[in-house]
Every structure is written in C-alpha cells, then in structure tokens.
C-alpha cells in the first residue's frame, strides 16, 4: 500500500476467495439483507460485512497485505456456504477462526463455494497467534462495533 495520500484508489478489493489456504479471523460487524443479485434469475442475497485478520501466507500488495498479521477492513462476505457460518456471530461480534477453502460448485457454471474449515485445519500455533492478533485488533479500534447494527 502506498503512503501517498493522493495515490490512485484501488479498483479491486479482496474477497474471501482471494485468501484460499490462509488462516483468518473473521470479526463480523453487520449483516445486510436484500442485496439484488446480478444472476439471470434475479433474486436477492445476504452478505456479512466483516474485518478479516489474515494470519499466514505471503504478503500480497494487491490484497493490501504488507506484513502479517494484516487486517482487511469491511470485507463483503457473501456466498451460500460461508454466510450461514458467519452471520450467527454478527450480534455478538464473536470472532471466527478458520482456514479459507473452496469446494466445487454443486451447480454447473457457478463459482466454487468458499467456506471456513475451523476444525482440523487450524493448528494450536495458529490459535495462539489469532488470540494475539485479535487482542491487537481490539486495541487498535476506538470502538469497533460503534456503527454496527
């Protein structure tokens, strides 16, 4: 990320799928419902807005990850598999740890489903790092849930 306050704004934003294979802590901030779908059959969907703390992997300038752990603020998280995993924690703002994995789509033509594997894939070392990173995250926030509904 540039230190230049007048640098060109990014035109792409990180999505959970960009973090495949990485251990993350998701801090759910709010749930948005009734988002219009751009699919041919229309309809609406839900998404969770969350701060995502990335714990491992390589730095990635395109994703705004200069060093680890790194926080990606206000990420839009959508998807029929991952939203149910996360949305139950919105009211409590309880963090969720997991490794981002993609599973093949059950519907032809759809992108792979993104989900968190929070059981077998998360090591004790990752859990310890997550606790430290989450504590640092909380200290860095004036009131992380002030605008959350």
C-alpha atoms as a PDB file:
ATOM      1  CA  UNK A   1       0.000   0.000   0.000  1.00  0.00           C
ATOM      2  CA  UNK A   2       1.216   3.469  -0.798  1.00  0.00           C
ATOM      3  CA  UNK A   3       1.920   6.090   1.867  1.00  0.00           C
ATOM      4  CA  UNK A   4       0.913   8.771  -0.647  1.00  0.00           C
ATOM      5  CA  UNK A   5      -2.452  10.194   0.499  1.00  0.00           C
ATOM      6  CA  UNK A   6      -3.201  11.167  -3.125  1.00  0.00           C
ATOM      7  CA  UNK A   7      -2.332   7.827  -4.688  1.00  0.00           C
ATOM      8  CA  UNK A   8      -4.841   6.309  -7.078  1.00  0.00           C
ATOM      9  CA  UNK A   9      -7.582   4.498  -5.196  1.00  0.00           C
ATOM     10  CA  UNK A  10      -7.693   0.741  -5.622  1.00  0.00           C
ATOM     11  CA  UNK A  11     -10.114  -0.569  -8.233  1.00  0.00           C
ATOM     12  CA  UNK A  12     -10.169  -4.138  -6.954  1.00  0.00           C
ATOM     13  CA  UNK A  13     -10.916  -5.325  -3.476  1.00  0.00           C
ATOM     14  CA  UNK A  14     -10.021  -8.501  -1.647  1.00  0.00           C
ATOM     15  CA  UNK A  15     -12.660 -11.158  -1.309  1.00  0.00           C
ATOM     16  CA  UNK A  16     -12.605 -14.162   0.960  1.00  0.00           C
ATOM     17  CA  UNK A  17     -11.892 -16.395  -2.042  1.00  0.00           C
ATOM     18  CA  UNK A  18      -8.628 -14.483  -2.598  1.00  0.00           C
ATOM     19  CA  UNK A  19      -7.454 -15.830   0.763  1.00  0.00           C
ATOM     20  CA  UNK A  20      -7.763 -19.516  -0.095  1.00  0.00           C
ATOM     21  CA  UNK A  21      -5.479 -21.647   2.069  1.00  0.00           C
ATOM     22  CA  UNK A  22      -4.859 -18.870   4.587  1.00  0.00           C
ATOM     23  CA  UNK A  23      -5.841 -18.919   8.234  1.00  0.00           C
ATOM     24  CA  UNK A  24      -8.086 -15.969   9.025  1.00  0.00           C
ATOM     25  CA  UNK A  25     -10.035 -14.489  11.919  1.00  0.00           C
ATOM     26  CA  UNK A  26     -13.344 -13.032  10.800  1.00  0.00           C
ATOM     27  CA  UNK A  27     -14.811 -10.297  13.000  1.00  0.00           C
ATOM     28  CA  UNK A  28     -18.415  -9.902  11.817  1.00  0.00           C
ATOM     29  CA  UNK A  29     -19.630  -6.305  12.017  1.00  0.00           C
ATOM     30  CA  UNK A  30     -23.065  -6.354  10.389  1.00  0.00           C
ATOM     31  CA  UNK A  31     -25.436  -8.328   8.169  1.00  0.00           C
ATOM     32  CA  UNK A  32     -27.003  -6.828   5.055  1.00  0.00           C
ATOM     33  CA  UNK A  33     -30.066  -8.480   3.527  1.00  0.00           C
ATOM     34  CA  UNK A  34     -31.953  -7.946   0.284  1.00  0.00           C
ATOM     35  CA  UNK A  35     -28.887  -7.271  -1.854  1.00  0.00           C
ATOM     36  CA  UNK A  36     -30.006  -7.504  -5.523  1.00  0.00           C
ATOM     37  CA  UNK A  37     -28.374 -10.394  -7.365  1.00  0.00           C
ATOM     38  CA  UNK A  38     -26.876  -9.929 -10.821  1.00  0.00           C
ATOM     39  CA  UNK A  39     -27.719 -13.515 -11.762  1.00  0.00           C
ATOM     40  CA  UNK A  40     -30.114 -14.162 -14.649  1.00  0.00           C
ATOM     41  CA  UNK A  41     -32.823 -15.457 -12.300  1.00  0.00           C
ATOM     42  CA  UNK A  42     -32.557 -12.298 -10.174  1.00  0.00           C
ATOM     43  CA  UNK A  43     -33.422 -12.537  -6.528  1.00  0.00           C
ATOM     44  CA  UNK A  44     -31.561 -11.202  -3.538  1.00  0.00           C
ATOM     45  CA  UNK A  45     -28.880 -12.431  -1.192  1.00  0.00           C
ATOM     46  CA  UNK A  46     -27.342 -11.715   2.202  1.00  0.00           C
ATOM     47  CA  UNK A  47     -23.807 -10.610   2.918  1.00  0.00           C
ATOM     48  CA  UNK A  48     -21.806 -10.055   6.060  1.00  0.00           C
ATOM     49  CA  UNK A  49     -19.537  -7.051   6.424  1.00  0.00           C
ATOM     50  CA  UNK A  50     -16.524  -8.078   8.489  1.00  0.00           C
ATOM     51  CA  UNK A  51     -12.992  -7.153   9.364  1.00  0.00           C
ATOM     52  CA  UNK A  52     -10.780 -10.076   8.369  1.00  0.00           C
ATOM     53  CA  UNK A  53      -7.457 -10.659  10.115  1.00  0.00           C
ATOM     54  CA  UNK A  54      -5.097 -12.644   7.882  1.00  0.00           C
ATOM     55  CA  UNK A  55      -2.665 -14.691   9.960  1.00  0.00           C
ATOM     56  CA  UNK A  56      -0.453 -16.514   7.464  1.00  0.00           C
ATOM     57  CA  UNK A  57       0.680 -16.794   3.868  1.00  0.00           C
ATOM     58  CA  UNK A  58       2.872 -14.412   1.932  1.00  0.00           C
ATOM     59  CA  UNK A  59       2.492 -10.636   1.806  1.00  0.00           C
ATOM     60  CA  UNK A  60       0.421  -9.594  -1.208  1.00  0.00           C
ATOM     61  CA  UNK A  61       0.457  -5.974  -2.339  1.00  0.00           C
ATOM     62  CA  UNK A  62      -2.673  -6.394  -4.482  1.00  0.00           C
ATOM     63  CA  UNK A  63      -4.617  -7.546  -1.423  1.00  0.00           C
ATOM     64  CA  UNK A  64      -3.123  -4.819   0.780  1.00  0.00           C
ATOM     65  CA  UNK A  65      -1.209  -7.348   2.885  1.00  0.00           C
ATOM     66  CA  UNK A  66       2.180  -5.804   3.580  1.00  0.00           C
ATOM     67  CA  UNK A  67       3.012  -7.796   6.699  1.00  0.00           C
ATOM     68  CA  UNK A  68       1.328 -10.404   8.841  1.00  0.00           C
ATOM     69  CA  UNK A  69      -0.927 -10.468  10.641  1.00  0.00           C
ATOM     70  CA  UNK A  70      -2.878  -7.997   8.493  1.00  0.00           C
ATOM     71  CA  UNK A  71      -6.425  -6.685   8.798  1.00  0.00           C
ATOM     72  CA  UNK A  72      -8.627  -6.201   5.755  1.00  0.00           C
ATOM     73  CA  UNK A  73     -11.340  -3.844   6.911  1.00  0.00           C
ATOM     74  CA  UNK A  74     -15.015  -4.078   5.993  1.00  0.00           C
ATOM     75  CA  UNK A  75     -14.751  -7.013   3.599  1.00  0.00           C
ATOM     76  CA  UNK A  76     -18.003  -8.041   1.913  1.00  0.00           C
ATOM     77  CA  UNK A  77     -18.531 -11.740   2.586  1.00  0.00           C
ATOM     78  CA  UNK A  78     -21.208 -13.444   0.554  1.00  0.00           C
ATOM     79  CA  UNK A  79     -21.940 -16.974  -0.519  1.00  0.00           C
ATOM     80  CA  UNK A  80     -24.472 -19.619   0.356  1.00  0.00           C
ATOM     81  CA  UNK A  81     -21.954 -21.660   2.344  1.00  0.00           C
ATOM     82  CA  UNK A  82     -19.912 -19.079   4.257  1.00  0.00           C
ATOM     83  CA  UNK A  83     -22.640 -16.548   5.184  1.00  0.00           C
ATOM     84  CA  UNK A  84     -24.520 -19.049   7.385  1.00  0.00           C
ATOM     85  CA  UNK A  85     -21.219 -19.869   9.096  1.00  0.00           C
ATOM     86  CA  UNK A  86     -20.608 -16.209   9.936  1.00  0.00           C
ATOM     87  CA  UNK A  87     -23.983 -14.478  10.292  1.00  0.00           C
ATOM     88  CA  UNK A  88     -24.869 -16.167  13.581  1.00  0.00           C
ATOM     89  CA  UNK A  89     -21.976 -14.266  15.168  1.00  0.00           C
ATOM     90  CA  UNK A  90     -22.973 -10.777  13.932  1.00  0.00           C
ATOM     91  CA  UNK A  91     -24.932  -9.701  17.016  1.00  0.00           C
ATOM     92  CA  UNK A  92     -22.215 -10.816  19.431  1.00  0.00           C
ATOM     93  CA  UNK A  93     -19.347  -9.780  17.119  1.00  0.00           C
ATOM     94  CA  UNK A  94     -17.702 -13.027  18.187  1.00  0.00           C
ATOM     95  CA  UNK A  95     -14.619 -13.724  16.060  1.00  0.00           C
ATOM     96  CA  UNK A  96     -14.422 -16.888  13.998  1.00  0.00           C
ATOM     97  CA  UNK A  97     -11.160 -18.600  13.090  1.00  0.00           C
ATOM     98  CA  UNK A  98     -10.746 -20.869  10.121  1.00  0.00           C
ATOM     99  CA  UNK A  99      -8.804 -21.742   7.012  1.00  0.00           C
ATOM    100  CA  UNK A 100     -10.398 -20.459   3.803  1.00  0.00           C
ATOM    101  CA  UNK A 101     -11.161 -23.362   1.482  1.00  0.00           C
ATOM    102  CA  UNK A 102     -13.017 -23.636  -1.805  1.00  0.00           C
ATOM    103  CA  UNK A 103     -15.313 -26.516  -2.556  1.00  0.00           C
ATOM    104  CA  UNK A 104     -16.578 -27.380  -6.036  1.00  0.00           C
ATOM    105  CA  UNK A 105     -19.898 -25.870  -7.009  1.00  0.00           C
ATOM    106  CA  UNK A 106     -22.893 -28.179  -6.964  1.00  0.00           C
ATOM    107  CA  UNK A 107     -24.497 -26.093  -9.697  1.00  0.00           C
ATOM    108  CA  UNK A 108     -22.992 -26.064 -13.177  1.00  0.00           C
ATOM    109  CA  UNK A 109     -21.487 -22.712 -14.084  1.00  0.00           C
ATOM    110  CA  UNK A 110     -21.281 -21.346 -10.550  1.00  0.00           C
ATOM    111  CA  UNK A 111     -18.027 -20.395  -8.868  1.00  0.00           C
ATOM    112  CA  UNK A 112     -16.667 -22.722  -6.199  1.00  0.00           C
ATOM    113  CA  UNK A 113     -18.171 -22.242  -2.745  1.00  0.00           C
ATOM    114  CA  UNK A 114     -15.941 -20.551  -0.183  1.00  0.00           C
ATOM    115  CA  UNK A 115     -16.119 -21.745   3.393  1.00  0.00           C
ATOM    116  CA  UNK A 116     -14.131 -21.863   6.594  1.00  0.00           C
ATOM    117  CA  UNK A 117     -12.609 -25.071   7.857  1.00  0.00           C
ATOM    118  CA  UNK A 118     -12.301 -24.307  11.548  1.00  0.00           C
ATOM    119  CA  UNK A 119     -11.667 -27.736  12.927  1.00  0.00           C
ATOM    120  CA  UNK A 120      -8.915 -29.939  11.554  1.00  0.00           C
ATOM    121  CA  UNK A 121      -7.027 -27.259   9.620  1.00  0.00           C
ATOM    122  CA  UNK A 122      -6.425 -24.735  12.424  1.00  0.00           C
ATOM    123  CA  UNK A 123      -3.292 -25.550  14.414  1.00  0.00           C
ATOM    124  CA  UNK A 124      -2.700 -24.722  18.076  1.00  0.00           C
ATOM    125  CA  UNK A 125       0.013 -22.291  16.937  1.00  0.00           C
ATOM    126  CA  UNK A 126      -2.481 -20.526  14.658  1.00  0.00           C
ATOM    127  CA  UNK A 127      -4.989 -20.271  17.522  1.00  0.00           C
ATOM    128  CA  UNK A 128      -2.343 -18.698  19.770  1.00  0.00           C
ATOM    129  CA  UNK A 129      -1.396 -16.212  17.030  1.00  0.00           C
ATOM    130  CA  UNK A 130      -5.102 -15.497  16.444  1.00  0.00           C
ATOM    131  CA  UNK A 131      -5.587 -14.584  20.109  1.00  0.00           C
ATOM    132  CA  UNK A 132      -2.667 -12.129  19.989  1.00  0.00           C
ATOM    133  CA  UNK A 133      -3.757 -10.662  16.653  1.00  0.00           C
ATOM    134  CA  UNK A 134      -7.366 -10.279  17.826  1.00  0.00           C
ATOM    135  CA  UNK A 135      -6.243  -8.563  21.050  1.00  0.00           C
ATOM    136  CA  UNK A 136      -4.102  -6.160  18.987  1.00  0.00           C
ATOM    137  CA  UNK A 137      -7.054  -5.585  16.642  1.00  0.00           C
ATOM    138  CA  UNK A 138      -9.319  -4.671  19.569  1.00  0.00           C
ATOM    139  CA  UNK A 139      -6.709  -2.279  20.977  1.00  0.00           C
ATOM    140  CA  UNK A 140      -6.365  -0.590  17.571  1.00  0.00           C
ATOM    141  CA  UNK A 141     -10.083   0.113  17.319  1.00  0.00           C
ATOM    142  CA  UNK A 142     -11.655   3.103  19.050  1.00  0.00           C
ATOM    143  CA  UNK A 143     -14.947   1.238  19.229  1.00  0.00           C
ATOM    144  CA  UNK A 144     -15.031  -1.467  16.555  1.00  0.00           C
ATOM    145  CA  UNK A 145     -18.768  -2.019  16.902  1.00  0.00           C
ATOM    146  CA  UNK A 146     -19.992   1.581  17.245  1.00  0.00           C
ATOM    147  CA  UNK A 147     -21.554   1.658  13.763  1.00  0.00           C
ATOM    148  CA  UNK A 148     -22.609  -1.974  13.724  1.00  0.00           C
ATOM    149  CA  UNK A 149     -26.293  -2.688  13.924  1.00  0.00           C
END
